[in-house]
Amino acid sequence: MKFLKVVLISIVVSLGLTWEAMAALPTAAATAFTTLQADVLSLVDLAWPAAIAITVAFIILRMFKKAAGAAV
């Protein structure tokens, strides 16, 4: 029980410190993070078609293996 209290107190303290650090973020850093977020989201948008194509290719290969195995 004592361990649980210590863990909960440490979580609350760390969240409080994180909140203060986020509140004290300079505007240049906030702008950099916003730009980084936009860049990452655009890269994710570019990656979706490739991920879908690879997944469909694996599904087709699995279907081909099953059909070839059944034909033999």
PDB file of N, CA and C in Angstrom:
ATOM      1  N   MET A   1       0.824  -1.190   0.000  1.00  0.00           N
ATOM      2  CA  MET A   1       0.000   0.000   0.000  1.00  0.00           C
ATOM      3  C   MET A   1       0.869   1.255   0.000  1.00  0.00           C
ATOM      4  N   LYS A   2       1.948   1.217   0.753  1.00  0.00           N
ATOM      5  CA  LYS A   2       2.847   2.364   0.812  1.00  0.00           C
ATOM      6  C   LYS A   2       3.505   2.589  -0.549  1.00  0.00           C
ATOM      7  N   PHE A   3       3.870   1.493  -1.217  1.00  0.00           N
ATOM      8  CA  PHE A   3       4.483   1.586  -2.536  1.00  0.00           C
ATOM      9  C   PHE A   3       3.527   2.247  -3.526  1.00  0.00           C
ATOM     10  N   LEU A   4       2.253   1.888  -3.461  1.00  0.00           N
ATOM     11  CA  LEU A   4       1.253   2.459  -4.350  1.00  0.00           C
ATOM     12  C   LEU A   4       1.123   3.963  -4.132  1.00  0.00           C
ATOM     13  N   LYS A   5       1.143   4.393  -2.864  1.00  0.00           N
ATOM     14  CA  LYS A   5       1.065   5.814  -2.563  1.00  0.00           C
ATOM     15  C   LYS A   5       2.276   6.558  -3.135  1.00  0.00           C
ATOM     16  N   VAL A   6       3.449   5.958  -2.997  1.00  0.00           N
ATOM     17  CA  VAL A   6       4.670   6.586  -3.506  1.00  0.00           C
ATOM     18  C   VAL A   6       4.594   6.705  -5.026  1.00  0.00           C
ATOM     19  N   VAL A   7       4.117   5.655  -5.682  1.00  0.00           N
ATOM     20  CA  VAL A   7       4.000   5.678  -7.136  1.00  0.00           C
ATOM     21  C   VAL A   7       3.000   6.747  -7.577  1.00  0.00           C
ATOM     22  N   LEU A   8       1.855   6.816  -6.917  1.00  0.00           N
ATOM     23  CA  LEU A   8       0.848   7.808  -7.285  1.00  0.00           C
ATOM     24  C   LEU A   8       1.353   9.229  -7.065  1.00  0.00           C
ATOM     25  N   ILE A   9       2.047   9.453  -5.959  1.00  0.00           N
ATOM     26  CA  ILE A   9       2.595  10.783  -5.685  1.00  0.00           C
ATOM     27  C   ILE A   9       3.637  11.149  -6.732  1.00  0.00           C
ATOM     28  N   SER A  10       4.485  10.193  -7.096  1.00  0.00           N
ATOM     29  CA  SER A  10       5.513  10.493  -8.102  1.00  0.00           C
ATOM     30  C   SER A  10       4.892  10.780  -9.465  1.00  0.00           C
ATOM     31  N   ILE A  11       3.807  10.096  -9.802  1.00  0.00           N
ATOM     32  CA  ILE A  11       3.128  10.357 -11.074  1.00  0.00           C
ATOM     33  C   ILE A  11       2.523  11.755 -11.068  1.00  0.00           C
ATOM     34  N   VAL A  12       1.883  12.124  -9.977  1.00  0.00           N
ATOM     35  CA  VAL A  12       1.263  13.444  -9.886  1.00  0.00           C
ATOM     36  C   VAL A  12       2.327  14.532  -9.954  1.00  0.00           C
ATOM     37  N   VAL A  13       3.432  14.344  -9.259  1.00  0.00           N
ATOM     38  CA  VAL A  13       4.509  15.344  -9.279  1.00  0.00           C
ATOM     39  C   VAL A  13       5.107  15.455 -10.679  1.00  0.00           C
ATOM     40  N   SER A  14       5.350  14.320 -11.338  1.00  0.00           N
ATOM     41  CA  SER A  14       5.939  14.376 -12.676  1.00  0.00           C
ATOM     42  C   SER A  14       4.985  15.019 -13.676  1.00  0.00           C
ATOM     43  N   LEU A  15       3.685  14.760 -13.550  1.00  0.00           N
ATOM     44  CA  LEU A  15       2.721  15.413 -14.428  1.00  0.00           C
ATOM     45  C   LEU A  15       2.685  16.916 -14.179  1.00  0.00           C
ATOM     46  N   GLY A  16       2.787  17.307 -12.928  1.00  0.00           N
ATOM     47  CA  GLY A  16       2.819  18.730 -12.609  1.00  0.00           C
ATOM     48  C   GLY A  16       4.038  19.407 -13.190  1.00  0.00           C
ATOM     49  N   LEU A  17       5.188  18.756 -13.077  1.00  0.00           N
ATOM     50  CA  LEU A  17       6.414  19.333 -13.638  1.00  0.00           C
ATOM     51  C   LEU A  17       6.344  19.386 -15.160  1.00  0.00           C
ATOM     52  N   THR A  18       5.769  18.371 -15.772  1.00  0.00           N
ATOM     53  CA  THR A  18       5.621  18.363 -17.225  1.00  0.00           C
ATOM     54  C   THR A  18       4.698  19.483 -17.671  1.00  0.00           C
ATOM     55  N   TRP A  19       3.619  19.683 -16.934  1.00  0.00           N
ATOM     56  CA  TRP A  19       2.674  20.740 -17.278  1.00  0.00           C
ATOM     57  C   TRP A  19       3.346  22.107 -17.193  1.00  0.00           C
ATOM     58  N   GLU A  20       4.169  22.314 -16.156  1.00  0.00           N
ATOM     59  CA  GLU A  20       4.873  23.587 -16.039  1.00  0.00           C
ATOM     60  C   GLU A  20       5.871  23.771 -17.167  1.00  0.00           C
ATOM     61  N   ALA A  21       6.539  22.706 -17.553  1.00  0.00           N
ATOM     62  CA  ALA A  21       7.507  22.802 -18.644  1.00  0.00           C
ATOM     63  C   ALA A  21       6.802  23.110 -19.956  1.00  0.00           C
ATOM     64  N   MET A  22       5.637  22.544 -20.158  1.00  0.00           N
ATOM     65  CA  MET A  22       4.892  22.809 -21.383  1.00  0.00           C
ATOM     66  C   MET A  22       4.380  24.243 -21.401  1.00  0.00           C
ATOM     67  N   ALA A  23       3.998  24.759 -20.235  1.00  0.00           N
ATOM     68  CA  ALA A  23       3.486  26.118 -20.170  1.00  0.00           C
ATOM     69  C   ALA A  23       4.598  27.127 -20.437  1.00  0.00           C
ATOM     70  N   ALA A  24       5.831  26.787 -20.086  1.00  0.00           N
ATOM     71  CA  ALA A  24       6.949  27.710 -20.242  1.00  0.00           C
ATOM     72  C   ALA A  24       7.660  27.536 -21.586  1.00  0.00           C
ATOM     73  N   LEU A  25       7.033  26.883 -22.544  1.00  0.00           N
ATOM     74  CA  LEU A  25       7.643  26.629 -23.838  1.00  0.00           C
ATOM     75  C   LEU A  25       7.748  27.931 -24.633  1.00  0.00           C
ATOM     76  N   PRO A  26       8.945  28.277 -25.105  1.00  0.00           N
ATOM     77  CA  PRO A  26       9.086  29.516 -25.886  1.00  0.00           C
ATOM     78  C   PRO A  26       8.315  29.430 -27.205  1.00  0.00           C
ATOM     79  N   THR A  27       7.993  30.578 -27.762  1.00  0.00           N
ATOM     80  CA  THR A  27       7.202  30.593 -28.991  1.00  0.00           C
ATOM     81  C   THR A  27       7.973  29.993 -30.165  1.00  0.00           C
ATOM     82  N   ALA A  28       9.295  30.176 -30.195  1.00  0.00           N
ATOM     83  CA  ALA A  28      10.079  29.594 -31.288  1.00  0.00           C
ATOM     84  C   ALA A  28      10.030  28.075 -31.244  1.00  0.00           C
ATOM     85  N   ALA A  29      10.100  27.515 -30.047  1.00  0.00           N
ATOM     86  CA  ALA A  29      10.022  26.061 -29.916  1.00  0.00           C
ATOM     87  C   ALA A  29       8.627  25.564 -30.282  1.00  0.00           C
ATOM     88  N   ALA A  30       7.609  26.297 -29.887  1.00  0.00           N
ATOM     89  CA  ALA A  30       6.237  25.910 -30.230  1.00  0.00           C
ATOM     90  C   ALA A  30       6.043  25.935 -31.746  1.00  0.00           C
ATOM     91  N   THR A  31       6.603  26.943 -32.403  1.00  0.00           N
ATOM     92  CA  THR A  31       6.514  27.018 -33.863  1.00  0.00           C
ATOM     93  C   THR A  31       7.262  25.863 -34.513  1.00  0.00           C
ATOM     94  N   ALA A  32       8.422  25.523 -33.965  1.00  0.00           N
ATOM     95  CA  ALA A  32       9.201  24.411 -34.506  1.00  0.00           C
ATOM     96  C   ALA A  32       8.443  23.097 -34.359  1.00  0.00           C
ATOM     97  N   PHE A  33       7.818  22.892 -33.203  1.00  0.00           N
ATOM     98  CA  PHE A  33       7.045  21.670 -33.001  1.00  0.00           C
ATOM     99  C   PHE A  33       5.844  21.617 -33.931  1.00  0.00           C
ATOM    100  N   THR A  34       5.205  22.738 -34.162  1.00  0.00           N
ATOM    101  CA  THR A  34       4.063  22.776 -35.073  1.00  0.00           C
ATOM    102  C   THR A  34       4.503  22.447 -36.499  1.00  0.00           C
ATOM    103  N   THR A  35       5.641  23.014 -36.915  1.00  0.00           N
ATOM    104  CA  THR A  35       6.171  22.721 -38.241  1.00  0.00           C
ATOM    105  C   THR A  35       6.553  21.253 -38.364  1.00  0.00           C
ATOM    106  N   LEU A  36       7.188  20.725 -37.325  1.00  0.00           N
ATOM    107  CA  LEU A  36       7.574  19.316 -37.329  1.00  0.00           C
ATOM    108  C   LEU A  36       6.343  18.423 -37.414  1.00  0.00           C
ATOM    109  N   GLN A  37       5.305  18.777 -36.677  1.00  0.00           N
ATOM    110  CA  GLN A  37       4.076  17.993 -36.709  1.00  0.00           C
ATOM    111  C   GLN A  37       3.464  17.996 -38.112  1.00  0.00           C
ATOM    112  N   ALA A  38       3.466  19.143 -38.765  1.00  0.00           N
ATOM    113  CA  ALA A  38       2.923  19.229 -40.126  1.00  0.00           C
ATOM    114  C   ALA A  38       3.751  18.384 -41.087  1.00  0.00           C
ATOM    115  N   ASP A  39       5.080  18.420 -40.929  1.00  0.00           N
ATOM    116  CA  ASP A  39       5.943  17.621 -41.807  1.00  0.00           C
ATOM    117  C   ASP A  39       5.718  16.124 -41.597  1.00  0.00           C
ATOM    118  N   VAL A  40       5.597  15.711 -40.349  1.00  0.00           N
ATOM    119  CA  VAL A  40       5.384  14.294 -40.052  1.00  0.00           C
ATOM    120  C   VAL A  40       4.035  13.839 -40.595  1.00  0.00           C
ATOM    121  N   LEU A  41       3.021  14.659 -40.431  1.00  0.00           N
ATOM    122  CA  LEU A  41       1.701  14.286 -40.953  1.00  0.00           C
ATOM    123  C   LEU A  41       1.711  14.182 -42.475  1.00  0.00           C
ATOM    124  N   SER A  42       2.457  15.048 -43.150  1.00  0.00           N
ATOM    125  CA  SER A  42       2.534  14.937 -44.608  1.00  0.00           C
ATOM    126  C   SER A  42       3.283  13.675 -45.020  1.00  0.00           C
ATOM    127  N   LEU A  43       4.309  13.287 -44.249  1.00  0.00           N
ATOM    128  CA  LEU A  43       5.015  12.041 -44.553  1.00  0.00           C
ATOM    129  C   LEU A  43       4.124  10.826 -44.319  1.00  0.00           C
ATOM    130  N   VAL A  44       3.313  10.871 -43.293  1.00  0.00           N
ATOM    131  CA  VAL A  44       2.381   9.772 -43.030  1.00  0.00           C
ATOM    132  C   VAL A  44       1.371   9.672 -44.171  1.00  0.00           C
ATOM    133  N   ASP A  45       0.913  10.828 -44.653  1.00  0.00           N
ATOM    134  CA  ASP A  45      -0.016  10.820 -45.788  1.00  0.00           C
ATOM    135  C   ASP A  45       0.630  10.206 -47.024  1.00  0.00           C
ATOM    136  N   LEU A  46       1.930  10.431 -47.203  1.00  0.00           N
ATOM    137  CA  LEU A  46       2.633   9.835 -48.339  1.00  0.00           C
ATOM    138  C   LEU A  46       2.851   8.335 -48.151  1.00  0.00           C
ATOM    139  N   ALA A  47       2.955   7.878 -46.919  1.00  0.00           N
ATOM    140  CA  ALA A  47       3.259   6.474 -46.645  1.00  0.00           C
ATOM    141  C   ALA A  47       2.030   5.572 -46.763  1.00  0.00           C
ATOM    142  N   TRP A  48       0.824   6.122 -46.597  1.00  0.00           N
ATOM    143  CA  TRP A  48      -0.376   5.282 -46.636  1.00  0.00           C
ATOM    144  C   TRP A  48      -0.539   4.508 -47.936  1.00  0.00           C
ATOM    145  N   PRO A  49      -0.380   5.122 -49.095  1.00  0.00           N
ATOM    146  CA  PRO A  49      -0.541   4.336 -50.330  1.00  0.00           C
ATOM    147  C   PRO A  49       0.460   3.180 -50.424  1.00  0.00           C
ATOM    148  N   ALA A  50       1.696   3.413 -50.005  1.00  0.00           N
ATOM    149  CA  ALA A  50       2.695   2.340 -50.044  1.00  0.00           C
ATOM    150  C   ALA A  50       2.324   1.226 -49.070  1.00  0.00           C
ATOM    151  N   ALA A  51       1.864   1.578 -47.880  1.00  0.00           N
ATOM    152  CA  ALA A  51       1.484   0.568 -46.898  1.00  0.00           C
ATOM    153  C   ALA A  51       0.300  -0.259 -47.390  1.00  0.00           C
ATOM    154  N   ILE A  52      -0.651   0.386 -48.009  1.00  0.00           N
ATOM    155  CA  ILE A  52      -1.817  -0.337 -48.537  1.00  0.00           C
ATOM    156  C   ILE A  52      -1.394  -1.256 -49.684  1.00  0.00           C
ATOM    157  N   ALA A  53      -0.533  -0.757 -50.565  1.00  0.00           N
ATOM    158  CA  ALA A  53      -0.075  -1.578 -51.693  1.00  0.00           C
ATOM    159  C   ALA A  53       0.696  -2.807 -51.208  1.00  0.00           C
ATOM    160  N   ILE A  54       1.543  -2.637 -50.209  1.00  0.00           N
ATOM    161  CA  ILE A  54       2.312  -3.767 -49.674  1.00  0.00           C
ATOM    162  C   ILE A  54       1.384  -4.779 -49.019  1.00  0.00           C
ATOM    163  N   THR A  55       0.403  -4.292 -48.278  1.00  0.00           N
ATOM    164  CA  THR A  55      -0.546  -5.201 -47.621  1.00  0.00           C
ATOM    165  C   THR A  55      -1.349  -5.987 -48.654  1.00  0.00           C
ATOM    166  N   VAL A  56      -1.822  -5.318 -49.682  1.00  0.00           N
ATOM    167  CA  VAL A  56      -2.583  -6.002 -50.731  1.00  0.00           C
ATOM    168  C   VAL A  56      -1.697  -7.022 -51.448  1.00  0.00           C
ATOM    169  N   ALA A  57      -0.426  -6.665 -51.673  1.00  0.00           N
ATOM    170  CA  ALA A  57       0.495  -7.602 -52.326  1.00  0.00           C
ATOM    171  C   ALA A  57       0.678  -8.855 -51.485  1.00  0.00           C
ATOM    172  N   PHE A  58       0.838  -8.695 -50.171  1.00  0.00           N
ATOM    173  CA  PHE A  58       0.975  -9.873 -49.302  1.00  0.00           C
ATOM    174  C   PHE A  58      -0.293 -10.727 -49.312  1.00  0.00           C
ATOM    175  N   ILE A  59      -1.446 -10.104 -49.335  1.00  0.00           N
ATOM    176  CA  ILE A  59      -2.707 -10.860 -49.379  1.00  0.00           C
ATOM    177  C   ILE A  59      -2.809 -11.641 -50.682  1.00  0.00           C
ATOM    178  N   ILE A  60      -2.462 -10.998 -51.798  1.00  0.00           N
ATOM    179  CA  ILE A  60      -2.516 -11.681 -53.094  1.00  0.00           C
ATOM    180  C   ILE A  60      -1.519 -12.835 -53.139  1.00  0.00           C
ATOM    181  N   LEU A  61      -0.316 -12.624 -52.604  1.00  0.00           N
ATOM    182  CA  LEU A  61       0.669 -13.713 -52.559  1.00  0.00           C
ATOM    183  C   LEU A  61       0.168 -14.890 -51.727  1.00  0.00           C
ATOM    184  N   ARG A  62      -0.461 -14.599 -50.598  1.00  0.00           N
ATOM    185  CA  ARG A  62      -0.997 -15.678 -49.753  1.00  0.00           C
ATOM    186  C   ARG A  62      -2.094 -16.431 -50.496  1.00  0.00           C
ATOM    187  N   MET A  63      -2.963 -15.698 -51.206  1.00  0.00           N
ATOM    188  CA  MET A  63      -4.019 -16.361 -51.969  1.00  0.00           C
ATOM    189  C   MET A  63      -3.422 -17.213 -53.084  1.00  0.00           C
ATOM    190  N   PHE A  64      -2.383 -16.719 -53.752  1.00  0.00           N
ATOM    191  CA  PHE A  64      -1.723 -17.477 -54.814  1.00  0.00           C
ATOM    192  C   PHE A  64      -1.089 -18.749 -54.261  1.00  0.00           C
ATOM    193  N   LYS A  65      -0.447 -18.657 -53.092  1.00  0.00           N
ATOM    194  CA  LYS A  65       0.153 -19.845 -52.483  1.00  0.00           C
ATOM    195  C   LYS A  65      -0.893 -20.884 -52.151  1.00  0.00           C
ATOM    196  N   LYS A  66      -2.033 -20.446 -51.613  1.00  0.00           N
ATOM    197  CA  LYS A  66      -3.105 -21.385 -51.288  1.00  0.00           C
ATOM    198  C   LYS A  66      -3.648 -22.043 -52.546  1.00  0.00           C
ATOM    199  N   ALA A  67      -3.843 -21.257 -53.602  1.00  0.00           N
ATOM    200  CA  ALA A  67      -4.388 -21.794 -54.844  1.00  0.00           C
ATOM    201  C   ALA A  67      -3.377 -22.745 -55.495  1.00  0.00           C
ATOM    202  N   ALA A  68      -2.106 -22.393 -55.460  1.00  0.00           N
ATOM    203  CA  ALA A  68      -1.083 -23.264 -56.051  1.00  0.00           C
ATOM    204  C   ALA A  68      -0.940 -24.542 -55.239  1.00  0.00           C
ATOM    205  N   GLY A  69      -1.043 -24.444 -53.939  1.00  0.00           N
ATOM    206  CA  GLY A  69      -0.965 -25.643 -53.102  1.00  0.00           C
ATOM    207  C   GLY A  69      -2.155 -26.549 -53.278  1.00  0.00           C
ATOM    208  N   ALA A  70      -3.308 -25.991 -53.514  1.00  0.00           N
ATOM    209  CA  ALA A  70      -4.517 -26.799 -53.718  1.00  0.00           C
ATOM    210  C   ALA A  70      -4.514 -27.456 -55.087  1.00  0.00           C
ATOM    211  N   ALA A  71      -3.854 -26.855 -56.065  1.00  0.00           N
ATOM    212  CA  ALA A  71      -3.824 -27.413 -57.423  1.00  0.00           C
ATOM    213  C   ALA A  71      -2.907 -28.594 -57.543  1.00  0.00           C
ATOM    214  N   VAL A  72      -1.951 -28.693 -56.645  1.00  0.00           N
ATOM    215  CA  VAL A  72      -0.966 -29.779 -56.742  1.00  0.00           C
ATOM    216  C   VAL A  72      -1.483 -31.046 -56.137  1.00  0.00           C
TER     217      VAL A  72
END
